[in-house]
């Protein structure tokens, strides 16, 4: 006995849902990778420019999830004369 058209539609809907979920997961993973790379770059630049980065500051940087904020800080480090000017 074969599947009815309703059962076929349900199965197809499940397949489509799985594919959509995979694509969403890939995009979320990609965004997380971008944020992580920007955090690590900022920390490396802070160490290069100002020397040792305190654990408190490191934790603050690692807690930033906003790409625009990280981009702003990555630009700000180019002109900051002291770590206090970074606004962290």
PDB file of N, CA and C in Angstrom:
ATOM      1  N   UNK A   1       0.842  -1.187   0.000  1.00  0.00           N
ATOM      2  CA  UNK A   1       0.000   0.000   0.000  1.00  0.00           C
ATOM      3  C   UNK A   1       0.887   1.250   0.000  1.00  0.00           C
ATOM      4  N   UNK A   2       0.699   2.176  -0.955  1.00  0.00           N
ATOM      5  CA  UNK A   2       1.500   3.383  -1.087  1.00  0.00           C
ATOM      6  C   UNK A   2       1.016   4.496  -0.184  1.00  0.00           C
ATOM      7  N   UNK A   3       1.815   5.546  -0.141  1.00  0.00           N
ATOM      8  CA  UNK A   3       1.448   6.715   0.669  1.00  0.00           C
ATOM      9  C   UNK A   3       0.359   7.501  -0.030  1.00  0.00           C
ATOM     10  N   UNK A   4      -0.489   8.096   0.773  1.00  0.00           N
ATOM     11  CA  UNK A   4      -1.519   8.980   0.219  1.00  0.00           C
ATOM     12  C   UNK A   4      -0.885  10.309  -0.114  1.00  0.00           C
ATOM     13  N   UNK A   5      -1.555  11.131  -0.847  1.00  0.00           N
ATOM     14  CA  UNK A   5      -1.001  12.436  -1.207  1.00  0.00           C
ATOM     15  C   UNK A   5      -0.748  13.295   0.027  1.00  0.00           C
ATOM     16  N   UNK A   6      -1.564  13.171   1.063  1.00  0.00           N
ATOM     17  CA  UNK A   6      -1.354  13.931   2.303  1.00  0.00           C
ATOM     18  C   UNK A   6      -0.067  13.472   2.976  1.00  0.00           C
ATOM     19  N   UNK A   7       0.166  12.176   3.007  1.00  0.00           N
ATOM     20  CA  UNK A   7       1.401  11.657   3.610  1.00  0.00           C
ATOM     21  C   UNK A   7       2.619  12.107   2.813  1.00  0.00           C
ATOM     22  N   UNK A   8       2.493  12.118   1.488  1.00  0.00           N
ATOM     23  CA  UNK A   8       3.585  12.577   0.634  1.00  0.00           C
ATOM     24  C   UNK A   8       3.893  14.047   0.892  1.00  0.00           C
ATOM     25  N   UNK A   9       2.850  14.826   1.040  1.00  0.00           N
ATOM     26  CA  UNK A   9       3.040  16.255   1.321  1.00  0.00           C
ATOM     27  C   UNK A   9       3.725  16.475   2.666  1.00  0.00           C
ATOM     28  N   UNK A  10       3.346  15.693   3.649  1.00  0.00           N
ATOM     29  CA  UNK A  10       3.958  15.802   4.980  1.00  0.00           C
ATOM     30  C   UNK A  10       5.432  15.438   4.895  1.00  0.00           C
ATOM     31  N   UNK A  11       5.753  14.354   4.213  1.00  0.00           N
ATOM     32  CA  UNK A  11       7.150  13.939   4.063  1.00  0.00           C
ATOM     33  C   UNK A  11       7.963  15.007   3.326  1.00  0.00           C
ATOM     34  N   UNK A  12       7.394  15.542   2.262  1.00  0.00           N
ATOM     35  CA  UNK A  12       8.086  16.583   1.498  1.00  0.00           C
ATOM     36  C   UNK A  12       8.293  17.831   2.360  1.00  0.00           C
ATOM     37  N   UNK A  13       7.281  18.172   3.151  1.00  0.00           N
ATOM     38  CA  UNK A  13       7.400  19.308   4.064  1.00  0.00           C
ATOM     39  C   UNK A  13       8.517  19.100   5.072  1.00  0.00           C
ATOM     40  N   UNK A  14       8.660  17.885   5.575  1.00  0.00           N
ATOM     41  CA  UNK A  14       9.738  17.570   6.518  1.00  0.00           C
ATOM     42  C   UNK A  14      11.100  17.717   5.855  1.00  0.00           C
ATOM     43  N   UNK A  15      11.212  17.230   4.614  1.00  0.00           N
ATOM     44  CA  UNK A  15      12.473  17.335   3.876  1.00  0.00           C
ATOM     45  C   UNK A  15      12.850  18.789   3.644  1.00  0.00           C
ATOM     46  N   UNK A  16      11.873  19.582   3.245  1.00  0.00           N
ATOM     47  CA  UNK A  16      12.120  21.011   3.017  1.00  0.00           C
ATOM     48  C   UNK A  16      12.535  21.685   4.320  1.00  0.00           C
ATOM     49  N   UNK A  17      11.867  21.348   5.407  1.00  0.00           N
ATOM     50  CA  UNK A  17      12.202  21.914   6.714  1.00  0.00           C
ATOM     51  C   UNK A  17      13.624  21.581   7.129  1.00  0.00           C
ATOM     52  N   UNK A  18      14.059  20.348   6.870  1.00  0.00           N
ATOM     53  CA  UNK A  18      15.429  19.948   7.206  1.00  0.00           C
ATOM     54  C   UNK A  18      16.443  20.741   6.392  1.00  0.00           C
ATOM     55  N   UNK A  19      16.163  20.923   5.102  1.00  0.00           N
ATOM     56  CA  UNK A  19      17.078  21.680   4.241  1.00  0.00           C
ATOM     57  C   UNK A  19      17.171  23.138   4.682  1.00  0.00           C
ATOM     58  N   UNK A  20      16.034  23.719   4.997  1.00  0.00           N
ATOM     59  CA  UNK A  20      16.021  25.111   5.474  1.00  0.00           C
ATOM     60  C   UNK A  20      16.813  25.214   6.782  1.00  0.00           C
ATOM     61  N   UNK A  21      16.612  24.253   7.676  1.00  0.00           N
ATOM     62  CA  UNK A  21      17.334  24.240   8.948  1.00  0.00           C
ATOM     63  C   UNK A  21      18.839  24.148   8.751  1.00  0.00           C
ATOM     64  N   UNK A  22      19.273  23.333   7.802  1.00  0.00           N
ATOM     65  CA  UNK A  22      20.702  23.209   7.508  1.00  0.00           C
ATOM     66  C   UNK A  22      21.275  24.534   7.012  1.00  0.00           C
ATOM     67  N   UNK A  23      20.555  25.199   6.116  1.00  0.00           N
ATOM     68  CA  UNK A  23      21.025  26.478   5.580  1.00  0.00           C
ATOM     69  C   UNK A  23      21.099  27.548   6.660  1.00  0.00           C
ATOM     70  N   UNK A  24      20.085  27.575   7.514  1.00  0.00           N
ATOM     71  CA  UNK A  24      20.094  28.544   8.620  1.00  0.00           C
ATOM     72  C   UNK A  24      21.267  28.259   9.546  1.00  0.00           C
ATOM     73  N   UNK A  25      21.496  26.995   9.836  1.00  0.00           N
ATOM     74  CA  UNK A  25      22.618  26.611  10.693  1.00  0.00           C
ATOM     75  C   UNK A  25      23.959  27.017  10.108  1.00  0.00           C
ATOM     76  N   UNK A  26      24.114  26.847   8.799  1.00  0.00           N
ATOM     77  CA  UNK A  26      25.362  27.259   8.139  1.00  0.00           C
ATOM     78  C   UNK A  26      25.564  28.757   8.273  1.00  0.00           C
ATOM     79  N   UNK A  27      24.507  29.529   8.068  1.00  0.00           N
ATOM     80  CA  UNK A  27      24.609  30.984   8.138  1.00  0.00           C
ATOM     81  C   UNK A  27      24.950  31.442   9.562  1.00  0.00           C
ATOM     82  N   UNK A  28      24.319  30.830  10.537  1.00  0.00           N
ATOM     83  CA  UNK A  28      24.618  31.173  11.939  1.00  0.00           C
ATOM     84  C   UNK A  28      26.069  30.841  12.257  1.00  0.00           C
ATOM     85  N   UNK A  29      26.526  29.692  11.794  1.00  0.00           N
ATOM     86  CA  UNK A  29      27.918  29.299  12.016  1.00  0.00           C
ATOM     87  C   UNK A  29      28.896  30.255  11.364  1.00  0.00           C
ATOM     88  N   UNK A  30      28.560  30.702  10.170  1.00  0.00           N
ATOM     89  CA  UNK A  30      29.418  31.647   9.448  1.00  0.00           C
ATOM     90  C   UNK A  30      29.511  32.961  10.219  1.00  0.00           C
ATOM     91  N   UNK A  31      28.374  33.459  10.701  1.00  0.00           N
ATOM     92  CA  UNK A  31      28.352  34.708  11.472  1.00  0.00           C
ATOM     93  C   UNK A  31      29.163  34.566  12.753  1.00  0.00           C
ATOM     94  N   UNK A  32      29.017  33.429  13.423  1.00  0.00           N
ATOM     95  CA  UNK A  32      29.777  33.194  14.657  1.00  0.00           C
ATOM     96  C   UNK A  32      31.276  33.204  14.362  1.00  0.00           C
ATOM     97  N   UNK A  33      31.662  32.655  13.225  1.00  0.00           N
ATOM     98  CA  UNK A  33      33.073  32.647  12.839  1.00  0.00           C
ATOM     99  C   UNK A  33      33.597  34.042  12.577  1.00  0.00           C
ATOM    100  N   UNK A  34      32.790  34.881  11.963  1.00  0.00           N
ATOM    101  CA  UNK A  34      33.188  36.269  11.691  1.00  0.00           C
ATOM    102  C   UNK A  34      33.392  37.015  13.004  1.00  0.00           C
ATOM    103  N   UNK A  35      32.445  36.864  13.928  1.00  0.00           N
ATOM    104  CA  UNK A  35      32.542  37.538  15.227  1.00  0.00           C
ATOM    105  C   UNK A  35      33.795  37.066  15.966  1.00  0.00           C
ATOM    106  N   UNK A  36      34.033  35.772  15.982  1.00  0.00           N
ATOM    107  CA  UNK A  36      35.204  35.228  16.686  1.00  0.00           C
ATOM    108  C   UNK A  36      36.502  35.759  16.075  1.00  0.00           C
ATOM    109  N   UNK A  37      36.574  35.814  14.757  1.00  0.00           N
ATOM    110  CA  UNK A  37      37.783  36.309  14.098  1.00  0.00           C
ATOM    111  C   UNK A  37      38.021  37.780  14.428  1.00  0.00           C
ATOM    112  N   UNK A  38      36.972  38.581  14.445  1.00  0.00           N
ATOM    113  CA  UNK A  38      37.116  40.003  14.766  1.00  0.00           C
ATOM    114  C   UNK A  38      37.545  40.190  16.220  1.00  0.00           C
ATOM    115  N   UNK A  39      37.003  39.389  17.121  1.00  0.00           N
ATOM    116  CA  UNK A  39      37.414  39.468  18.532  1.00  0.00           C
ATOM    117  C   UNK A  39      38.905  39.170  18.669  1.00  0.00           C
ATOM    118  N   UNK A  40      39.343  38.082  18.046  1.00  0.00           N
ATOM    119  CA  UNK A  40      40.748  37.686  18.143  1.00  0.00           C
ATOM    120  C   UNK A  40      41.665  38.727  17.510  1.00  0.00           C
ATOM    121  N   UNK A  41      41.238  39.308  16.400  1.00  0.00           N
ATOM    122  CA  UNK A  41      42.024  40.361  15.759  1.00  0.00           C
ATOM    123  C   UNK A  41      42.127  41.576  16.667  1.00  0.00           C
ATOM    124  N   UNK A  42      41.021  41.958  17.278  1.00  0.00           N
ATOM    125  CA  UNK A  42      41.041  43.104  18.188  1.00  0.00           C
ATOM    126  C   UNK A  42      41.970  42.849  19.369  1.00  0.00           C
ATOM    127  N   UNK A  43      41.888  41.669  19.946  1.00  0.00           N
ATOM    128  CA  UNK A  43      42.774  41.348  21.074  1.00  0.00           C
ATOM    129  C   UNK A  43      44.243  41.386  20.647  1.00  0.00           C
ATOM    130  N   UNK A  44      44.548  40.852  19.487  1.00  0.00           N
ATOM    131  CA  UNK A  44      45.926  40.855  18.986  1.00  0.00           C
ATOM    132  C   UNK A  44      46.403  42.297  18.759  1.00  0.00           C
ATOM    133  N   UNK A  45      45.526  43.132  18.191  1.00  0.00           N
ATOM    134  CA  UNK A  45      45.898  44.523  17.955  1.00  0.00           C
ATOM    135  C   UNK A  45      46.070  45.289  19.267  1.00  0.00           C
ATOM    136  N   UNK A  46      45.222  45.012  20.239  1.00  0.00           N
ATOM    137  CA  UNK A  46      45.362  45.655  21.552  1.00  0.00           C
ATOM    138  C   UNK A  46      46.704  45.307  22.179  1.00  0.00           C
ATOM    139  N   UNK A  47      47.073  44.026  22.114  1.00  0.00           N
ATOM    140  CA  UNK A  47      48.365  43.604  22.683  1.00  0.00           C
ATOM    141  C   UNK A  47      49.520  44.263  21.929  1.00  0.00           C
ATOM    142  N   UNK A  48      49.423  44.310  20.614  1.00  0.00           N
ATOM    143  CA  UNK A  48      50.500  44.893  19.813  1.00  0.00           C
ATOM    144  C   UNK A  48      50.638  46.385  20.086  1.00  0.00           C
ATOM    145  N   UNK A  49      49.525  47.063  20.190  1.00  0.00           N
ATOM    146  CA  UNK A  49      49.542  48.522  20.344  1.00  0.00           C
ATOM    147  C   UNK A  49      49.835  48.976  21.774  1.00  0.00           C
ATOM    148  N   UNK A  50      49.220  48.266  22.758  1.00  0.00           N
ATOM    149  CA  UNK A  50      49.288  48.754  24.135  1.00  0.00           C
ATOM    150  C   UNK A  50      49.981  47.810  25.109  1.00  0.00           C
ATOM    151  N   UNK A  51      50.417  46.674  24.660  1.00  0.00           N
ATOM    152  CA  UNK A  51      51.079  45.720  25.549  1.00  0.00           C
ATOM    153  C   UNK A  51      50.089  44.726  26.132  1.00  0.00           C
ATOM    154  N   UNK A  52      50.365  44.286  27.321  1.00  0.00           N
ATOM    155  CA  UNK A  52      49.545  43.265  27.970  1.00  0.00           C
ATOM    156  C   UNK A  52      48.086  43.711  28.099  1.00  0.00           C
ATOM    157  N   UNK A  53      47.182  42.799  27.796  1.00  0.00           N
ATOM    158  CA  UNK A  53      45.741  43.047  27.932  1.00  0.00           C
ATOM    159  C   UNK A  53      45.278  42.340  29.200  1.00  0.00           C
ATOM    160  N   UNK A  54      44.645  43.087  30.093  1.00  0.00           N
ATOM    161  CA  UNK A  54      44.185  42.494  31.356  1.00  0.00           C
ATOM    162  C   UNK A  54      43.112  41.439  31.086  1.00  0.00           C
ATOM    163  N   UNK A  55      42.958  40.535  32.028  1.00  0.00           N
ATOM    164  CA  UNK A  55      41.932  39.493  31.910  1.00  0.00           C
ATOM    165  C   UNK A  55      40.542  40.117  31.833  1.00  0.00           C
ATOM    166  N   UNK A  56      40.320  41.177  32.592  1.00  0.00           N
ATOM    167  CA  UNK A  56      39.024  41.870  32.569  1.00  0.00           C
ATOM    168  C   UNK A  56      38.720  42.405  31.171  1.00  0.00           C
ATOM    169  N   UNK A  57      39.707  43.041  30.554  1.00  0.00           N
ATOM    170  CA  UNK A  57      39.522  43.590  29.219  1.00  0.00           C
ATOM    171  C   UNK A  57      39.337  42.464  28.200  1.00  0.00           C
ATOM    172  N   UNK A  58      40.101  41.397  28.343  1.00  0.00           N
ATOM    173  CA  UNK A  58      39.971  40.253  27.437  1.00  0.00           C
ATOM    174  C   UNK A  58      38.559  39.686  27.484  1.00  0.00           C
ATOM    175  N   UNK A  59      38.019  39.542  28.699  1.00  0.00           N
ATOM    176  CA  UNK A  59      36.660  39.021  28.861  1.00  0.00           C
ATOM    177  C   UNK A  59      35.651  39.974  28.230  1.00  0.00           C
ATOM    178  N   UNK A  60      35.855  41.272  28.400  1.00  0.00           N
ATOM    179  CA  UNK A  60      34.951  42.259  27.787  1.00  0.00           C
ATOM    180  C   UNK A  60      34.937  42.116  26.271  1.00  0.00           C
ATOM    181  N   UNK A  61      36.123  42.025  25.683  1.00  0.00           N
ATOM    182  CA  UNK A  61      36.215  41.889  24.227  1.00  0.00           C
ATOM    183  C   UNK A  61      35.534  40.598  23.779  1.00  0.00           C
ATOM    184  N   UNK A  62      35.781  39.504  24.480  1.00  0.00           N
ATOM    185  CA  UNK A  62      35.199  38.217  24.097  1.00  0.00           C
ATOM    186  C   UNK A  62      33.687  38.168  24.278  1.00  0.00           C
ATOM    187  N   UNK A  63      33.134  39.113  25.021  1.00  0.00           N
ATOM    188  CA  UNK A  63      31.678  39.138  25.224  1.00  0.00           C
ATOM    189  C   UNK A  63      30.953  39.985  24.180  1.00  0.00           C
ATOM    190  N   UNK A  64      31.701  40.676  23.326  1.00  0.00           N
ATOM    191  CA  UNK A  64      31.068  41.516  22.294  1.00  0.00           C
ATOM    192  C   UNK A  64      30.579  40.619  21.161  1.00  0.00           C
ATOM    193  N   UNK A  65      29.275  40.685  20.878  1.00  0.00           N
ATOM    194  CA  UNK A  65      28.666  39.880  19.820  1.00  0.00           C
ATOM    195  C   UNK A  65      28.261  40.707  18.604  1.00  0.00           C
ATOM    196  N   UNK A  66      28.338  42.017  18.719  1.00  0.00           N
ATOM    197  CA  UNK A  66      27.875  42.915  17.673  1.00  0.00           C
ATOM    198  C   UNK A  66      29.009  43.208  16.678  1.00  0.00           C
ATOM    199  N   UNK A  67      28.829  42.785  15.435  1.00  0.00           N
ATOM    200  CA  UNK A  67      29.854  42.974  14.410  1.00  0.00           C
ATOM    201  C   UNK A  67      30.155  44.456  14.204  1.00  0.00           C
ATOM    202  N   UNK A  68      29.140  45.291  14.203  1.00  0.00           N
ATOM    203  CA  UNK A  68      29.349  46.727  14.005  1.00  0.00           C
ATOM    204  C   UNK A  68      30.198  47.318  15.130  1.00  0.00           C
ATOM    205  N   UNK A  69      29.957  46.888  16.349  1.00  0.00           N
ATOM    206  CA  UNK A  69      30.747  47.366  17.500  1.00  0.00           C
ATOM    207  C   UNK A  69      32.202  46.931  17.362  1.00  0.00           C
ATOM    208  N   UNK A  70      32.403  45.679  16.963  1.00  0.00           N
ATOM    209  CA  UNK A  70      33.767  45.184  16.771  1.00  0.00           C
ATOM    210  C   UNK A  70      34.462  45.953  15.651  1.00  0.00           C
ATOM    211  N   UNK A  71      33.748  46.216  14.558  1.00  0.00           N
ATOM    212  CA  UNK A  71      34.326  46.995  13.461  1.00  0.00           C
ATOM    213  C   UNK A  71      34.722  48.393  13.932  1.00  0.00           C
ATOM    214  N   UNK A  72      33.869  49.008  14.742  1.00  0.00           N
ATOM    215  CA  UNK A  72      34.163  50.333  15.282  1.00  0.00           C
ATOM    216  C   UNK A  72      35.441  50.302  16.122  1.00  0.00           C
ATOM    217  N   UNK A  73      35.570  49.293  16.962  1.00  0.00           N
ATOM    218  CA  UNK A  73      36.762  49.179  17.804  1.00  0.00           C
ATOM    219  C   UNK A  73      38.011  48.900  16.972  1.00  0.00           C
ATOM    220  N   UNK A  74      37.866  48.096  15.923  1.00  0.00           N
ATOM    221  CA  UNK A  74      39.001  47.803  15.050  1.00  0.00           C
ATOM    222  C   UNK A  74      39.466  49.065  14.310  1.00  0.00           C
ATOM    223  N   UNK A  75      38.570  49.977  14.036  1.00  0.00           N
ATOM    224  CA  UNK A  75      38.950  51.256  13.432  1.00  0.00           C
ATOM    225  C   UNK A  75      39.522  52.203  14.489  1.00  0.00           C
ATOM    226  N   UNK A  76      38.897  52.220  15.650  1.00  0.00           N
ATOM    227  CA  UNK A  76      39.312  53.135  16.715  1.00  0.00           C
ATOM    228  C   UNK A  76      40.747  52.878  17.154  1.00  0.00           C
ATOM    229  N   UNK A  77      41.173  51.632  17.114  1.00  0.00           N
ATOM    230  CA  UNK A  77      42.528  51.315  17.579  1.00  0.00           C
ATOM    231  C   UNK A  77      43.596  51.971  16.710  1.00  0.00           C
ATOM    232  N   UNK A  78      43.235  52.339  15.494  1.00  0.00           N
ATOM    233  CA  UNK A  78      44.198  52.981  14.595  1.00  0.00           C
ATOM    234  C   UNK A  78      44.604  54.367  15.065  1.00  0.00           C
ATOM    235  N   UNK A  79      43.716  55.019  15.812  1.00  0.00           N
ATOM    236  CA  UNK A  79      44.019  56.387  16.247  1.00  0.00           C
ATOM    237  C   UNK A  79      44.103  56.552  17.760  1.00  0.00           C
ATOM    238  N   UNK A  80      43.731  55.543  18.499  1.00  0.00           N
ATOM    239  CA  UNK A  80      43.768  55.649  19.967  1.00  0.00           C
ATOM    240  C   UNK A  80      45.205  55.781  20.457  1.00  0.00           C
ATOM    241  N   UNK A  81      45.442  56.718  21.342  1.00  0.00           N
ATOM    242  CA  UNK A  81      46.768  56.919  21.907  1.00  0.00           C
ATOM    243  C   UNK A  81      46.958  56.155  23.206  1.00  0.00           C
ATOM    244  N   UNK A  82      45.828  55.766  23.804  1.00  0.00           N
ATOM    245  CA  UNK A  82      45.867  55.005  25.058  1.00  0.00           C
ATOM    246  C   UNK A  82      44.704  54.023  25.053  1.00  0.00           C
ATOM    247  N   UNK A  83      44.853  52.967  25.773  1.00  0.00           N
ATOM    248  CA  UNK A  83      43.810  51.935  25.794  1.00  0.00           C
ATOM    249  C   UNK A  83      42.495  52.487  26.337  1.00  0.00           C
ATOM    250  N   UNK A  84      42.581  53.491  27.198  1.00  0.00           N
ATOM    251  CA  UNK A  84      41.381  54.108  27.758  1.00  0.00           C
ATOM    252  C   UNK A  84      40.535  54.795  26.667  1.00  0.00           C
ATOM    253  N   UNK A  85      41.142  55.204  25.592  1.00  0.00           N
ATOM    254  CA  UNK A  85      40.420  55.848  24.494  1.00  0.00           C
ATOM    255  C   UNK A  85      39.615  54.858  23.670  1.00  0.00           C
ATOM    256  N   UNK A  86      39.771  53.578  23.921  1.00  0.00           N
ATOM    257  CA  UNK A  86      39.077  52.558  23.150  1.00  0.00           C
ATOM    258  C   UNK A  86      37.605  52.453  23.533  1.00  0.00           C
ATOM    259  N   UNK A  87      37.255  52.887  24.733  1.00  0.00           N
ATOM    260  CA  UNK A  87      35.858  52.801  25.154  1.00  0.00           C
ATOM    261  C   UNK A  87      35.429  51.398  25.520  1.00  0.00           C
ATOM    262  N   UNK A  88      36.357  50.640  26.006  1.00  0.00           N
ATOM    263  CA  UNK A  88      36.034  49.270  26.428  1.00  0.00           C
ATOM    264  C   UNK A  88      35.779  49.238  27.897  1.00  0.00           C
TER     265      UNK A  88
END
